[in-house]
């Protein structure tokens, strides 16, 4: 399994300013991060991981929003996308499902950033392991992932 070290090294290699912060305890899911860390929900990018015969898609969306899978499939022209099961994630991404970072993944992926995340000055997201969070500028996240930016969420 990969860790936050691979995330850090990947971002360093691409000259992307970032911080990895050790949390006082592990978060089970980034949807709890805004309350725990005192951050606005739009600043916390919760990963959703999908797959189909063409590969893996990682969507980063605000912690308080639900990814509209139909909208993502239409946006990408990939109608057979389905959520990755927890036991599939390590083999497809190198990470546990709830901690999949936007970079340093096992294989090439398509990254989609909800426009609310992409426009944040600072974004907090998964860093590859429990108890560690990645802090990076929204513009740098788009750059380093070559992300497609679109509105792909609905309110919970």
Protein backbone atom coordinates (compact mmCIF):
# COMPACT_ATOMS: atom_id res chain seq x y z
CA UNK A 1 0.00 0.00 0.00
CA UNK A 2 1.09 3.52 -0.72
CA UNK A 3 1.21 6.32 1.84
CA UNK A 4 1.40 10.08 2.18
CA UNK A 5 5.13 9.84 1.42
CA UNK A 6 4.35 9.02 -2.23
CA UNK A 7 1.88 11.93 -2.34
CA UNK A 8 4.51 14.29 -0.91
CA UNK A 9 7.23 13.08 -3.29
CA UNK A 10 4.92 13.33 -6.31
CA UNK A 11 4.00 16.93 -5.49
CA UNK A 12 7.66 17.83 -4.82
CA UNK A 13 8.68 16.40 -8.19
CA UNK A 14 6.09 18.66 -9.86
CA UNK A 15 7.15 21.73 -7.81
CA UNK A 16 3.67 22.01 -6.25
CA UNK A 17 3.63 23.88 -2.92
CA UNK A 18 1.74 21.82 -0.35
CA UNK A 19 1.56 20.75 3.27
CA UNK A 20 0.88 17.39 4.85
CA UNK A 21 -0.61 17.72 8.31
CA UNK A 22 -0.86 15.03 10.94
CA UNK A 23 -4.30 15.11 12.54
CA UNK A 24 -4.87 14.41 16.21
CA UNK A 25 -6.81 11.30 15.22
CA UNK A 26 -7.84 9.49 12.07
CA UNK A 27 -10.92 10.58 10.17
CA UNK A 28 -13.05 7.72 8.88
CA UNK A 29 -14.32 9.88 6.02
CA UNK A 30 -13.49 13.38 4.84
CA UNK A 31 -17.15 14.37 5.15
CA UNK A 32 -16.44 14.84 8.89
CA UNK A 33 -13.35 17.00 8.29
CA UNK A 34 -15.07 20.40 8.10
CA UNK A 35 -16.57 20.03 11.58
CA UNK A 36 -13.46 18.43 13.09
CA UNK A 37 -11.03 20.93 11.56
CA UNK A 38 -13.25 24.01 11.64
CA UNK A 39 -13.17 24.45 7.87
CA UNK A 40 -15.87 25.40 5.36
CA UNK A 41 -17.20 22.31 3.53
CA UNK A 42 -16.24 23.79 0.14
CA UNK A 43 -12.58 23.78 1.22
CA UNK A 44 -12.54 20.03 1.96
CA UNK A 45 -12.38 17.80 -1.11
CA UNK A 46 -13.83 14.36 -0.42
CA UNK A 47 -12.78 11.74 -3.00
CA UNK A 48 -15.25 9.56 -4.87
CA UNK A 49 -13.67 6.79 -6.93
CA UNK A 50 -15.33 5.26 -9.98
CA UNK A 51 -14.22 2.69 -12.53
CA UNK A 52 -15.16 1.11 -15.83
CA UNK A 53 -13.38 -0.79 -18.61
CA UNK A 54 -11.44 2.39 -19.49
CA UNK A 55 -9.91 2.86 -16.03
CA UNK A 56 -10.30 4.80 -12.81
CA UNK A 57 -11.89 8.21 -12.25
CA UNK A 58 -11.30 10.20 -9.05
CA UNK A 59 -13.79 12.97 -8.34
CA UNK A 60 -13.02 15.58 -5.71
CA UNK A 61 -16.12 17.33 -4.42
CA UNK A 62 -17.01 19.43 -1.37
CA UNK A 63 -17.39 17.34 1.77
CA UNK A 64 -21.06 18.27 2.20
CA UNK A 65 -22.14 17.39 -1.34
CA UNK A 66 -22.99 14.19 -3.18
CA UNK A 67 -21.41 13.40 -6.53
CA UNK A 68 -24.00 13.03 -9.29
CA UNK A 69 -22.76 9.83 -10.95
CA UNK A 70 -25.01 10.28 -13.96
CA UNK A 71 -23.62 13.75 -14.53
CA UNK A 72 -20.02 12.49 -14.31
CA UNK A 73 -20.74 9.63 -16.74
CA UNK A 74 -22.29 12.07 -19.20
CA UNK A 75 -19.46 14.59 -18.79
CA UNK A 76 -16.83 11.94 -19.54
CA UNK A 77 -18.87 9.98 -22.09
CA UNK A 78 -18.43 6.85 -19.96
CA UNK A 79 -21.88 5.42 -19.27
CA UNK A 80 -20.62 2.28 -17.49
CA UNK A 81 -18.84 4.04 -14.62
CA UNK A 82 -19.59 2.52 -11.24
CA UNK A 83 -18.40 3.16 -7.69
CA UNK A 84 -15.26 1.28 -6.68
CA UNK A 85 -15.83 -1.21 -3.87
CA UNK A 86 -13.62 -0.81 -0.77
CA UNK A 87 -11.80 -4.10 -1.41
CA UNK A 88 -11.02 -3.07 -5.02
CA UNK A 89 -9.47 0.28 -4.17
CA UNK A 90 -5.98 -0.82 -3.07
CA UNK A 91 -5.44 -2.76 -6.30
CA UNK A 92 -6.76 0.05 -8.50
CA UNK A 93 -5.36 3.09 -6.70
CA UNK A 94 -2.78 1.88 -4.17
CA UNK A 95 -4.81 3.33 -1.28
CA UNK A 96 -7.75 2.52 0.97
CA UNK A 97 -10.94 3.90 -0.60
CA UNK A 98 -11.70 6.70 1.87
CA UNK A 99 -8.10 8.00 1.73
CA UNK A 100 -7.49 8.05 -2.05
CA UNK A 101 -5.45 11.19 -2.83
CA UNK A 102 -5.60 13.07 -6.13
CA UNK A 103 -1.97 12.24 -7.04
CA UNK A 104 0.57 9.39 -6.77
CA UNK A 105 -1.95 6.72 -7.69
CA UNK A 106 -1.19 3.13 -8.71
CA UNK A 107 -2.11 3.75 -12.33
CA UNK A 108 -3.11 6.71 -14.52
CA UNK A 109 -6.52 8.12 -13.60
CA UNK A 110 -8.91 10.76 -14.83
CA UNK A 111 -9.43 13.44 -12.18
CA UNK A 112 -12.58 15.55 -12.04
CA UNK A 113 -12.76 18.50 -9.66
CA UNK A 114 -16.08 19.99 -8.79
CA UNK A 115 -15.88 23.68 -9.66
CA UNK A 116 -16.46 24.62 -6.01
CA UNK A 117 -13.21 22.85 -5.10
CA UNK A 118 -11.20 24.12 -8.06
CA UNK A 119 -11.96 27.75 -7.17
CA UNK A 120 -10.82 27.50 -3.53
CA UNK A 121 -7.66 29.33 -2.54
CA UNK A 122 -6.73 26.38 -0.32
CA UNK A 123 -8.07 22.83 -0.54
CA UNK A 124 -7.77 20.11 2.09
CA UNK A 125 -8.04 16.54 0.83
CA UNK A 126 -6.99 12.94 1.40
CA UNK A 127 -3.26 12.36 1.62
CA UNK A 128 -3.27 8.58 1.24
CA UNK A 129 -3.58 7.40 4.82
CA UNK A 130 -5.70 7.91 7.95
CA UNK A 131 -4.68 10.79 10.17
CA UNK A 132 -2.94 12.83 7.46
CA UNK A 133 -4.49 15.57 5.35
CA UNK A 134 -3.11 17.31 2.27
CA UNK A 135 -3.31 21.10 1.98
CA UNK A 136 -2.79 22.55 -1.50
CA UNK A 137 -3.96 25.54 -3.53
CA UNK A 138 -6.97 24.86 -5.76
CA UNK A 139 -5.19 26.17 -8.86
CA UNK A 140 -2.20 23.89 -8.17
CA UNK A 141 -4.48 20.89 -7.68
CA UNK A 142 -6.02 21.49 -11.11
CA UNK A 143 -2.55 21.89 -12.64
CA UNK A 144 -0.89 18.82 -11.12
CA UNK A 145 -3.81 16.48 -11.84
CA UNK A 146 -4.74 17.91 -15.28
CA UNK A 147 -8.25 17.78 -13.85
CA UNK A 148 -11.44 18.38 -15.71
CA UNK A 149 -13.33 21.08 -13.78
CA UNK A 150 -17.12 20.97 -13.81
CA UNK A 151 -20.16 21.10 -11.56
CA UNK A 152 -20.74 17.44 -10.69
CA UNK A 153 -22.54 17.56 -7.35
CA UNK A 154 -25.90 17.98 -5.71
CA UNK A 155 -26.64 19.00 -2.12
CA UNK A 156 -26.93 16.09 0.30
